[in-house]
Each structure stands twice: as structure tokens, then as C-alpha cells.
Amino acid sequence: MGLKVSVSRERRVVFRQRGLVEVEEFELGAPTEGEMLIRTRSTLISPGTETAFLMALANTSGEFPQYPGYSNAGLVERVGNAVKEIHVGDRVVSHRPHASRVLAREEETLRIPDAVSYDEASFFALGSVALQGVRKGKVELGDSVLVVGQGLVGNLALQLAKLSGGTPVIGADLCDYRLGISLKVGADYAINPSRDNLDERVGAITEGRGASVVIEATGSPSAIPTALTLASRYGRVILLGSPRGDSTVDFYTYVHRKGLQIVGAHNSTRPRYESTHGAWTIRDDAKLVLRLIEEGLLNVRALVTSKMSYREATEAYRRLRESKDETIGVIIDWE
């Protein structure tokens, strides 16, 4: 027996044109047999990716309108006939946009553990992005790890590198506010290159060797040569942040002679169907991130600067663009 066709009026965030954020109404149909209808409770803004697309930076589509977001946590209100494991009333996450209600297929959702709030659960996507970067760094117990950039993804990468055995773990950022959070969640050292000589500090911390693993999480082209410089001989440099422009690199001095490994860590480079050692699927990594949050091993509460109503979406993106010295994580409240 087919589902009754119905349409609801919902709200969603839209990038209307470059730099312009609005909330618009849209029509959402009923779930098909393989889908579920989810009432959104919390969505987490991905600061680097979403503001880059909003401002049409390098390596973004530059096309508008856009409907951003991929960190949705909500409550299942209705399921199609073919949905077997998820039920009405379940709390789930999905890679769905910033909207009051969304449709998702069962295989695209994960249940939220009972002890994890909607706000915490909305970190599942960025946590899994950071985790695949750490996996590609092949962090071993005792490896020194430097994470350049302590925004959301960089901070999560730092925490996950420490959980993987990184010793010491070092966070670098131009913002003291972010560095303070990094120390709060477990960084052994926090360095502000605008005040301290980064080369000298990393050299002193690593006894002159440089960092075994450097995770570049800023997406700034100018940070890539810095990451190569700070890596140890035979070290690994992981490009976790999506570069928004071109870099000039002295490959002979900083790559060839040092025997560095440079690894691109875009989320799309994962296996699609099955996890293997060092290369896990998005679903498996997201499930692990939720478990780490549940067990108190991954601190995401410290990363929330503001929780703002969807009606304040324009202001939320403005803060992320213009107040980086006092803003790191913004959750949109859809209640």
C-alpha cells in the first residue's frame, strides 16, 4: 500500500548570492518507501567549507543559489514502508542540509546514542572528516603531531591524534581564543605564530627533529610550505583543509631531500562500501565519532561558541566570517 502524498511548508538556509545568507520557505514531500522524514533539532555549520562556498572562493562552484549544510541531527517523524531498522521516534544524524525537516534514506542515517545530545551529535560529520585525516597520517604511539589551524576540524584532528597515541600534540593558530580551547581539550602545546617563532618552538618541543606528522587544517595556501618546513625527516604531511588557491613550494629542499610523504585527505577519497586498515568509510567513521563522544573521549561541547535560532542564520555566518577571534563553532537551533 503506497504512502499518502502530502507536502509541508518548511524552512531552510540558502546562499542566495555571493555573501548573501537568507532563510526561505520550501515545499517538502512525503517520504518514499525507502526514506524517512526527519524533524531537525540541531545542525552544525562547517565554518571553513560553508563560508568558502558562500564567498565563492577558489575551488568552490561559484554557482548560486546554494543550500548548505551536511551535519543534521533530528527526530524521525515518519518512515516509508521499506525502512526496516529505523523507527518513528528514533534520534538520528544525516548528511542533510540546514533545514527544518529533511528526507533521508535509511542507509544514510545513524542512530544517536542515548547519552549524546542533538548538539553533540551534529559533530558527527566534521569529526569523521578530521578522523580520516588522522588515519592517513598513520599516527603511532609516540609520534609528535603538529596541527596547523585550530578551527573545528583542526581541533577535532588534534584530539583524535592524541587518542591515536600522538605525543606530544601541538596546536598552532593565529587566534589565542582557539588556542585556549585546544589546551582545554588536551593539547600539550599551543603556539601563536604571530607572537612566537613557530620553527623554533616546534624544534625545541621535538628536540630539533620536527614533527613526525603535520596536519594542515587551515586551507590557506600559504600554510602548506610552513607545514612542509616543520615536518621531520621522513615525516608525513596531511593536507586536511581544502586549499583555496595556489601554493609555491620548494620541493627539493622541503620534500625531496627530507623524504616527506604528502597525503591529500579530502573526504571524497574514502572507500565507498567497506572499511580497511587506515581507510574507513564515512559511515563507519561517523559511527565511531558518535561513540567517542558518548564515552567522553572526544570533547565537542567545548567547541560550541554559540547556539543560534535559524532565524539568525545571517548573523551566524557573519560571526564565522568576521569574528574568528571569538567564534569557533556555531549550532543552528531548529526548535
Protein backbone atom coordinates (compact mmCIF):
# COMPACT_ATOMS: atom_id res chain seq x y z
CA MET A 1 0.00 0.00 0.00
CA GLY A 2 1.55 3.31 -1.06
CA LEU A 3 2.08 6.30 1.18
CA LYS A 4 -0.39 9.15 1.03
CA VAL A 5 1.09 12.05 -0.91
CA SER A 6 1.45 15.20 1.18
CA VAL A 7 3.51 18.36 1.09
CA SER A 8 4.66 20.51 4.01
CA ARG A 9 5.97 24.05 4.11
CA GLU A 10 9.44 24.07 5.65
CA ARG A 11 12.34 26.48 6.12
CA ARG A 12 15.97 26.20 5.02
CA VAL A 13 19.14 28.24 4.80
CA VAL A 14 20.04 29.46 1.32
CA PHE A 15 23.07 31.25 -0.05
CA ARG A 16 21.13 33.48 -2.41
CA GLN A 17 24.20 35.01 -4.00
CA ARG A 18 27.80 35.63 -3.06
CA GLY A 19 27.91 36.79 0.55
CA LEU A 20 24.11 36.78 0.99
CA VAL A 21 22.54 34.35 3.50
CA GLU A 22 18.77 34.05 3.85
CA VAL A 23 16.16 31.69 5.28
CA GLU A 24 13.48 30.70 2.78
CA GLU A 25 10.35 28.59 2.74
CA PHE A 26 10.20 25.49 0.55
CA GLU A 27 7.89 22.57 -0.05
CA LEU A 28 8.89 19.11 1.17
CA GLY A 29 7.10 15.99 0.01
CA ALA A 30 6.32 12.82 1.93
CA PRO A 31 8.99 10.11 2.26
CA THR A 32 9.10 7.44 -0.41
CA GLU A 33 9.25 3.75 0.54
CA GLY A 34 12.98 3.88 1.25
CA GLU A 35 13.01 7.24 3.00
CA MET A 36 12.24 8.77 6.36
CA LEU A 37 11.04 12.23 7.35
CA ILE A 38 13.25 13.85 9.98
CA ARG A 39 12.36 16.87 12.07
CA THR A 40 15.64 18.73 12.53
CA ARG A 41 16.71 19.75 16.02
CA SER A 42 20.31 20.92 15.53
CA THR A 43 22.65 21.49 12.60
CA LEU A 44 26.32 22.42 12.87
CA ILE A 45 27.80 24.95 10.47
CA SER A 46 31.02 23.77 8.83
CA PRO A 47 32.91 27.08 9.06
CA GLY A 48 35.68 26.56 6.50
CA THR A 49 33.72 24.81 3.76
CA GLU A 50 30.47 26.73 4.06
CA THR A 51 31.98 30.21 4.27
CA ALA A 52 34.29 29.37 1.35
CA PHE A 53 31.28 28.43 -0.79
CA LEU A 54 29.34 31.46 0.45
CA MET A 55 32.15 33.77 -0.67
CA ALA A 56 32.83 31.81 -3.89
CA LEU A 57 36.48 31.23 -3.03
CA ALA A 58 38.88 29.15 -5.13
CA ASN A 59 37.90 25.50 -5.61
CA THR A 60 34.19 26.12 -4.97
CA SER A 61 31.41 26.03 -7.54
CA GLY A 62 30.71 29.78 -7.61
CA GLU A 63 27.12 28.96 -8.54
CA PHE A 64 24.06 30.26 -6.68
CA PRO A 65 21.65 29.66 -5.06
CA GLN A 66 23.21 27.04 -2.78
CA TYR A 67 21.68 25.06 0.06
CA PRO A 68 24.48 24.48 2.58
CA GLY A 69 24.97 22.05 5.43
CA TYR A 70 25.78 18.39 5.98
CA SER A 71 25.61 17.96 9.77
CA ASN A 72 21.95 17.35 10.61
CA ALA A 73 20.64 15.87 13.88
CA GLY A 74 16.95 15.29 14.34
CA LEU A 75 13.94 13.15 15.25
CA VAL A 76 12.29 10.65 12.88
CA GLU A 77 8.63 11.56 12.37
CA ARG A 78 7.64 9.22 9.55
CA VAL A 79 9.14 6.25 7.69
CA GLY A 80 8.49 4.65 4.33
CA ASN A 81 7.42 1.00 4.03
CA ALA A 82 10.90 -0.24 3.04
CA VAL A 83 12.64 1.26 6.09
CA LYS A 84 13.41 -1.65 8.43
CA GLU A 85 15.81 -0.67 11.23
CA ILE A 86 14.91 2.97 11.93
CA HIS A 87 11.58 3.74 13.61
CA VAL A 88 9.40 6.74 14.32
CA GLY A 89 10.76 8.44 17.43
CA ASP A 90 14.40 7.48 16.81
CA ARG A 91 17.00 10.23 17.02
CA VAL A 92 19.31 10.21 14.00
CA VAL A 93 22.04 12.10 12.18
CA SER A 94 22.37 12.52 8.44
CA HIS A 95 24.43 14.47 5.92
CA ARG A 96 21.46 16.69 5.19
CA PRO A 97 21.34 20.50 4.86
CA HIS A 98 20.30 23.25 7.25
CA ALA A 99 16.52 22.85 7.09
CA SER A 100 13.58 22.42 9.49
CA ARG A 101 12.72 18.99 8.08
CA VAL A 102 14.63 16.74 5.69
CA LEU A 103 14.23 13.44 3.88
CA ALA A 104 16.92 10.76 4.12
CA ARG A 105 17.30 7.11 3.22
CA GLU A 106 17.87 4.56 5.96
CA GLU A 107 21.42 3.77 4.85
CA GLU A 108 22.24 7.48 5.04
CA THR A 109 21.37 7.83 8.72
CA LEU A 110 22.83 6.72 12.05
CA ARG A 111 21.11 6.49 15.41
CA ILE A 112 22.27 8.94 18.05
CA PRO A 113 23.39 7.19 21.26
CA ASP A 114 21.09 7.88 24.22
CA ALA A 115 23.74 9.78 26.19
CA VAL A 116 24.58 12.12 23.28
CA SER A 117 22.60 15.34 22.80
CA TYR A 118 21.43 16.63 19.43
CA ASP A 119 24.02 19.41 19.62
CA GLU A 120 26.85 16.98 20.30
CA ALA A 121 25.62 14.56 17.64
CA SER A 122 25.76 17.28 14.98
CA PHE A 123 29.59 16.99 15.17
CA PHE A 124 29.45 13.52 13.58
CA ALA A 125 30.31 14.78 10.09
CA LEU A 126 33.19 17.12 10.90
CA GLY A 127 34.51 14.57 13.39
CA SER A 128 34.65 11.94 10.66
CA VAL A 129 36.38 14.41 8.30
CA ALA A 130 39.06 15.00 10.93
CA LEU A 131 39.35 11.31 11.72
CA GLN A 132 40.12 10.23 8.17
CA GLY A 133 42.90 12.83 8.08
CA VAL A 134 44.41 11.43 11.27
CA ARG A 135 44.15 7.90 9.88
CA LYS A 136 46.04 8.96 6.76
CA GLY A 137 48.76 10.40 8.99
CA LYS A 138 49.36 6.87 10.35
CA VAL A 139 49.85 8.30 13.82
CA GLU A 140 51.66 5.86 16.12
CA LEU A 141 52.20 5.94 19.88
CA GLY A 142 54.97 8.45 20.46
CA ASP A 143 54.69 10.32 17.16
CA SER A 144 54.89 14.08 17.59
CA VAL A 145 51.90 15.67 15.86
CA LEU A 146 51.51 19.31 14.84
CA VAL A 147 48.06 20.51 13.72
CA VAL A 148 48.24 23.82 11.87
CA GLY A 149 44.90 25.58 12.32
CA GLN A 150 42.67 25.13 15.36
CA GLY A 151 39.25 25.72 13.92
CA LEU A 152 36.66 22.97 14.34
CA VAL A 153 38.30 20.40 12.06
CA GLY A 154 41.81 21.20 13.31
CA ASN A 155 40.77 20.94 16.95
CA LEU A 156 38.98 17.64 16.34
CA ALA A 157 42.05 16.34 14.48
CA LEU A 158 44.23 17.32 17.43
CA GLN A 159 42.02 15.46 19.89
CA LEU A 160 41.86 12.39 17.64
CA ALA A 161 45.63 12.43 17.07
CA LYS A 162 46.11 12.36 20.84
CA LEU A 163 43.66 9.47 21.18
CA SER A 164 45.69 7.67 18.50
CA GLY A 165 48.88 7.97 20.57
CA GLY A 166 50.35 11.25 19.36
CA THR A 167 52.89 12.50 21.93
CA PRO A 168 53.21 15.42 22.10
CA VAL A 169 50.34 17.02 20.19
CA ILE A 170 50.83 20.66 19.25
CA GLY A 171 48.21 23.12 18.06
CA ALA A 172 49.12 26.23 16.07
CA ASP A 173 46.78 29.09 15.26
CA LEU A 174 46.81 32.88 14.96
CA CYS A 175 43.92 33.19 17.43
CA ASP A 176 44.54 32.92 21.18
CA TYR A 177 40.85 32.13 21.77
CA ARG A 178 41.15 28.96 19.70
CA LEU A 179 44.45 28.01 21.29
CA GLY A 180 42.87 28.32 24.73
CA ILE A 181 40.21 25.80 23.70
CA SER A 182 42.90 23.49 22.30
CA LEU A 183 44.68 23.45 25.66
CA LYS A 184 41.36 22.81 27.40
CA VAL A 185 40.68 19.69 25.31
CA GLY A 186 44.15 18.18 25.62
CA ALA A 187 46.79 19.92 23.51
CA ASP A 188 50.25 19.55 25.05
CA TYR A 189 51.40 22.81 23.49
CA ALA A 190 49.64 25.74 21.80
CA ILE A 191 51.61 28.17 19.64
CA ASN A 192 50.58 31.50 18.12
CA PRO A 193 52.92 32.17 15.15
CA SER A 194 52.12 35.88 15.28
CA ARG A 195 53.78 36.05 18.65
CA ASP A 196 56.20 33.10 18.82
CA ASN A 197 58.69 31.75 16.28
CA LEU A 198 56.93 28.61 15.11
CA ASP A 199 60.09 26.96 13.72
CA GLU A 200 61.98 27.50 16.96
CA ARG A 201 59.14 26.37 19.23
CA VAL A 202 58.41 23.19 17.26
CA GLY A 203 62.15 22.49 17.07
CA ALA A 204 62.52 22.85 20.83
CA ILE A 205 59.50 20.68 21.58
CA THR A 206 60.63 17.90 19.21
CA GLU A 207 64.34 18.07 20.20
CA GLY A 208 65.27 19.51 16.82
CA ARG A 209 63.67 16.79 14.71
CA GLY A 210 60.48 18.50 13.62
CA ALA A 211 57.01 16.95 13.88
CA SER A 212 56.58 13.34 12.77
CA VAL A 213 53.12 14.22 11.45
CA VAL A 214 51.94 17.66 10.38
CA ILE A 215 48.21 18.07 9.70
CA GLU A 216 47.44 21.22 7.72
CA ALA A 217 43.87 22.19 8.64
CA THR A 218 43.62 25.85 7.63
CA GLY A 219 43.03 25.54 3.89
CA SER A 220 45.32 28.53 3.42
CA PRO A 221 47.77 28.08 0.52
CA SER A 222 50.46 29.98 2.45
CA ALA A 223 50.30 27.44 5.29
CA ILE A 224 51.36 24.49 3.11
CA PRO A 225 55.04 25.49 2.77
CA THR A 226 55.05 26.09 6.52
CA ALA A 227 53.72 22.58 7.13
CA LEU A 228 56.44 21.09 4.92
CA THR A 229 59.13 23.07 6.72
CA LEU A 230 58.01 21.91 10.17
CA ALA A 231 57.83 18.20 9.33
CA SER A 232 60.64 15.91 10.42
CA ARG A 233 62.84 13.94 8.08
CA TYR A 234 60.71 11.11 6.64
CA GLY A 235 57.67 12.81 8.15
CA ARG A 236 54.09 12.82 6.89
CA VAL A 237 52.24 15.99 5.89
CA ILE A 238 48.46 15.63 5.67
CA LEU A 239 46.51 18.22 3.68
CA LEU A 240 43.22 18.11 5.58
CA GLY A 241 41.99 21.65 4.91
CA SER A 242 40.85 22.24 1.32
CA PRO A 243 43.37 24.72 -0.18
CA ARG A 244 41.66 27.84 -1.53
CA GLY A 245 44.31 28.89 -4.04
CA ASP A 246 47.83 28.09 -5.25
CA SER A 247 50.95 27.44 -3.19
CA THR A 248 54.60 27.94 -4.08
CA VAL A 249 56.76 25.13 -2.69
CA ASP A 250 60.49 24.43 -2.78
CA PHE A 251 60.07 20.70 -3.34
CA TYR A 252 63.79 19.95 -3.48
CA THR A 253 64.58 21.40 -0.06
CA TYR A 254 61.44 20.57 1.90
CA VAL A 255 60.13 17.39 0.25
CA HIS A 256 62.72 15.64 -1.89
CA ARG A 257 65.71 15.90 0.47
CA LYS A 258 63.66 15.23 3.59
CA GLY A 259 61.87 12.20 2.14
CA LEU A 260 58.46 13.57 3.08
CA GLN A 261 55.15 11.94 2.34
CA ILE A 262 52.39 14.39 1.34
CA VAL A 263 48.88 12.98 1.54
CA GLY A 264 45.67 14.60 0.33
CA ALA A 265 42.85 13.97 2.78
CA HIS A 266 39.70 15.15 1.03
CA ASN A 267 36.65 13.33 2.41
CA SER A 268 35.76 12.07 -1.09
CA THR A 269 38.89 9.86 -1.20
CA ARG A 270 37.38 7.31 1.18
CA PRO A 271 36.30 3.77 0.23
CA ARG A 272 32.58 3.67 -0.54
CA TYR A 273 31.47 0.29 0.74
CA GLU A 274 33.94 -1.37 3.11
CA SER A 275 36.45 -0.14 5.69
CA THR A 276 40.03 -1.40 5.66
CA HIS A 277 43.03 -0.60 7.82
CA GLY A 278 43.72 3.13 7.58
CA ALA A 279 40.82 3.72 5.17
CA TRP A 280 37.37 3.67 6.71
CA THR A 281 34.02 4.51 5.13
CA ILE A 282 32.25 7.72 6.07
CA ARG A 283 29.55 5.71 7.84
CA ASP A 284 31.98 3.70 9.98
CA ASP A 285 34.00 6.77 10.96
CA ALA A 286 30.84 8.74 11.80
CA LYS A 287 29.60 5.86 13.96
CA LEU A 288 32.93 5.81 15.80
CA VAL A 289 32.84 9.58 16.34
CA LEU A 290 29.41 9.28 17.98
CA ARG A 291 30.75 6.51 20.22
CA LEU A 292 33.79 8.56 21.22
CA ILE A 293 31.51 11.46 22.12
CA GLU A 294 29.28 9.12 24.11
CA GLU A 295 32.25 7.76 26.06
CA GLY A 296 33.61 11.22 26.81
CA LEU A 297 36.76 10.66 24.77
CA LEU A 298 36.02 13.39 22.22
CA ASN A 299 35.10 16.76 23.71
CA VAL A 300 32.80 18.67 21.38
CA ARG A 301 30.92 20.72 23.95
CA ALA A 302 33.97 22.94 24.41
CA LEU A 303 33.86 23.77 20.69
CA VAL A 304 30.40 25.37 20.71
CA THR A 305 30.67 29.15 20.88
CA SER A 306 27.03 29.90 20.09
CA LYS A 307 23.71 28.20 19.52
CA MET A 308 21.50 30.44 17.42
CA SER A 309 17.98 30.23 16.06
CA TYR A 310 17.60 29.51 12.36
CA ARG A 311 16.05 32.96 12.15
CA GLU A 312 19.53 34.35 12.97
CA ALA A 313 21.32 32.41 10.21
CA THR A 314 22.60 35.58 8.54
CA GLU A 315 24.22 36.70 11.80
CA ALA A 316 25.65 33.22 12.42
CA TYR A 317 27.58 33.25 9.15
CA ARG A 318 28.68 36.84 9.72
CA ARG A 319 30.23 35.86 13.04
CA LEU A 320 32.07 32.96 11.49
CA ARG A 321 33.47 35.20 8.76
CA GLU A 322 34.22 38.36 10.73
CA SER A 323 34.72 37.32 14.38
CA LYS A 324 37.11 34.39 14.12
CA ASP A 325 39.00 35.64 17.15
CA GLU A 326 36.00 34.83 19.35
CA THR A 327 33.97 32.25 17.42
CA ILE A 328 34.76 28.64 16.60
CA GLY A 329 31.57 26.55 16.49
CA VAL A 330 28.00 27.70 15.76
CA ILE A 331 24.99 25.40 16.01
CA ILE A 332 21.68 26.32 14.37
CA ASP A 333 18.64 25.62 16.57
CA TRP A 334 15.57 24.48 14.62
CA GLU A 335 13.17 24.28 17.59
